[in-house]
Amino acid sequence: MSVLVNLIVMLGMLVVVPAGLRLMDADELAPIRRTWLFFAVPGAISLWLPRSTAATVLAGVYALGTLALAARAPRRIARTRSLAPAEIAVLTALLTPSVAGVALVAERSGHELFGFGLAILALTVLHFHFAGFTAALVAGLVCRATAGQAAGAGRFAALSVPLGTLLVLAGYFVDDWAELLGALVLTAGMWTVALLTWRDVRAGERDRFARTLLAVSAAVLVATMLLAVSWALGEATGLPHPNLTWMAATHGLGNALGFALCSVLAWRRLKETAV
């Protein structure tokens, strides 16, 4: 599982996050956009080293980059003076990679942070690149792209995805039932993102390549979030459910390639064709 998880995390560090940052039109993000790979490359290298001081230092470089990104959130609030749903989603996207960065440092040093095992920390790194950064960013983009009768659903998506992500994180510290609640809220938000992407964003786009990417991202979410709920339900109730290895190979890989990568590529295409 470690090889697969490392490859997925590398995709998030080196491709999805920098592509997502380019979708955020904000002057305060210009420095971190230009320097992101200087932080991400050492972080990616750390994944493949044995747990050691060298791996910890390289992971620390990446963590500094994620904290620098999080530091842009207060500046954005000061500039926009807005806590509209779409803006809350974007702020969540700025903050959540820092959770992944801190978890990476702990995992690479062999330290069971807050008592969490190293395997859970490795999956936390993965989770907060995709269910954290990408999901929140895309929810915000979808919210801004919807209007009329769909606007309410767009606001729901932009609020429920950050809330669900926060509840999942809180569930780590509370119990499996709290984590299940977070998974249900996050799934409701992500399925709303999928519905709006398919029905409103994709349907109104003429570019066939963008339409295909949007269709894939929406369809994949239906399956991957169902897997997330089944896993959280099994953990809370003891019912049979997929193990972590199977979840990484299905839910994790599907969200990374089918949802996150396709989404940021599609929204990049939409941005370019709109100019």
Foldseek 3Di string as FASTA:
>chain_A
DLVLLLVLLLCLQPPQLLLLLVLDPDPLCVVLNVCSVVLSVLQSVLSPDAQDPSSLVSLLSNLVSLVSLLVCLVVVCVVPVDDQLLNVLQNQLSNLLNLLSVLSSCLSNLHCPVVNHSVVSSVSNLCSSQLGNQQSSLLSVLLVQDDDPCNVLSSLLSNLSSVLVVQLVVCVVPHLVSNLVSLVSNLSSLLSSLVSLLPPVLVPDDPPLLNVLSPQQSVLSVVLSVLVNQVSVCRVPVPDHDDPVVNCVRNSVSSSPRHSVSSSVSSVVVVVVVD
